[in-house]
Amino acid sequence: MLTRTDIDKVQAMFADRRKMLGMRARLDRDPVSLMVGEGKDAGVIEMAPAYLAAIVAAVKTELDQKIAAIAATLTEMGVEP
C-alpha cells in the first residue's frame, strides 16, 4: 500500500514524465535551433544540419532513458505508468 509520501512521489514522477513526453514529441514536430540570450537580444547559432541532428538525437535518447527510468520506478512501486 502506498503512503501519502509515496503518492506525492508518484504524482511528481507523473508530472515529470508528462513534461518529458511533451518535450520528446516537440522534438519530432517542431524545428530545433540553438539560441544564445533572451528576448530581443537572443540570437540563433547556425549549425551544420548533421551536427544539429546529432544533438537532437542525443537529447531524444536522454529523454527516452529518463522516461523509461520513471516508468520502471513506478512499476516497482506497483503503479502502472
Protein backbone atom coordinates (compact mmCIF):
# COMPACT_ATOMS: atom_id res chain seq x y z
CA MET A 1 0.00 0.00 0.00
CA LEU A 2 1.23 3.47 -0.85
CA THR A 3 1.79 6.05 1.86
CA ARG A 4 0.98 9.73 1.44
CA THR A 5 4.67 10.36 0.79
CA ASP A 6 4.65 7.64 -1.89
CA ILE A 7 1.59 9.19 -3.52
CA ASP A 8 3.31 12.59 -3.59
CA LYS A 9 6.37 10.99 -5.21
CA VAL A 10 4.19 9.21 -7.78
CA GLN A 11 2.40 12.44 -8.66
CA ALA A 12 5.73 14.24 -9.08
CA MET A 13 7.03 11.42 -11.29
CA PHE A 14 3.91 11.54 -13.46
CA ALA A 15 4.32 15.32 -13.82
CA ASP A 16 8.00 14.93 -14.79
CA ARG A 17 7.13 12.14 -17.22
CA ARG A 18 4.37 14.23 -18.80
CA LYS A 19 6.82 17.14 -19.34
CA MET A 20 9.45 14.84 -20.84
CA LEU A 21 6.92 13.19 -23.16
CA GLY A 22 5.81 16.65 -24.29
CA MET A 23 9.38 17.75 -24.99
CA ARG A 24 10.07 14.49 -26.81
CA ALA A 25 7.02 14.99 -29.03
CA ARG A 26 8.04 18.57 -29.78
CA LEU A 27 11.48 17.41 -30.90
CA ASP A 28 9.72 15.28 -33.54
CA ARG A 29 7.43 18.00 -34.86
CA ASP A 30 8.98 21.43 -34.18
CA PRO A 31 12.10 22.99 -35.65
CA VAL A 32 15.08 22.99 -33.29
CA SER A 33 17.69 25.72 -33.03
CA LEU A 34 20.42 26.71 -30.62
CA MET A 35 19.90 30.20 -29.22
CA VAL A 36 22.04 32.48 -27.11
CA GLY A 37 20.47 35.19 -24.96
CA GLU A 38 16.86 36.01 -24.22
CA GLY A 39 14.08 38.04 -25.72
CA LYS A 40 15.01 40.63 -28.34
CA ASP A 41 18.71 40.11 -27.60
CA ALA A 42 18.58 36.41 -28.47
CA GLY A 43 20.46 35.13 -31.46
CA VAL A 44 20.33 31.82 -33.30
CA ILE A 45 23.59 29.97 -33.81
CA GLU A 46 23.82 28.44 -37.26
CA MET A 47 25.00 24.82 -37.29
CA ALA A 48 25.54 22.21 -39.94
CA PRO A 49 22.34 20.16 -40.32
CA ALA A 50 24.13 16.90 -39.48
CA TYR A 51 25.59 18.38 -36.30
CA LEU A 52 22.18 19.71 -35.20
CA ALA A 53 20.62 16.31 -35.98
CA ALA A 54 23.22 14.62 -33.77
CA ILE A 55 22.43 16.98 -30.90
CA VAL A 56 18.69 16.38 -31.29
CA ALA A 57 19.25 12.60 -31.39
CA ALA A 58 21.29 12.77 -28.17
CA VAL A 59 18.58 14.80 -26.43
CA LYS A 60 15.90 12.34 -27.60
CA THR A 61 17.95 9.42 -26.28
CA GLU A 62 18.39 11.13 -22.91
CA LEU A 63 14.66 11.87 -22.65
CA ASP A 64 13.79 8.29 -23.63
CA GLN A 65 16.10 6.96 -20.92
CA LYS A 66 14.62 9.24 -18.28
CA ILE A 67 11.05 8.33 -19.31
CA ALA A 68 11.93 4.62 -19.12
CA ALA A 69 13.53 5.07 -15.69
CA ILE A 70 10.41 6.77 -14.36
CA ALA A 71 8.22 4.00 -15.81
CA ALA A 72 10.43 1.37 -14.15
CA THR A 73 10.29 3.14 -10.79
CA LEU A 74 6.51 3.47 -11.00
CA THR A 75 6.19 -0.23 -11.87
CA GLU A 76 8.41 -1.17 -8.92
CA MET A 77 6.09 0.86 -6.69
CA GLY A 78 3.10 -1.06 -8.03
CA VAL A 79 1.78 1.84 -10.11
CA GLU A 80 1.06 1.35 -13.79
CA PRO A 81 2.77 4.03 -15.89
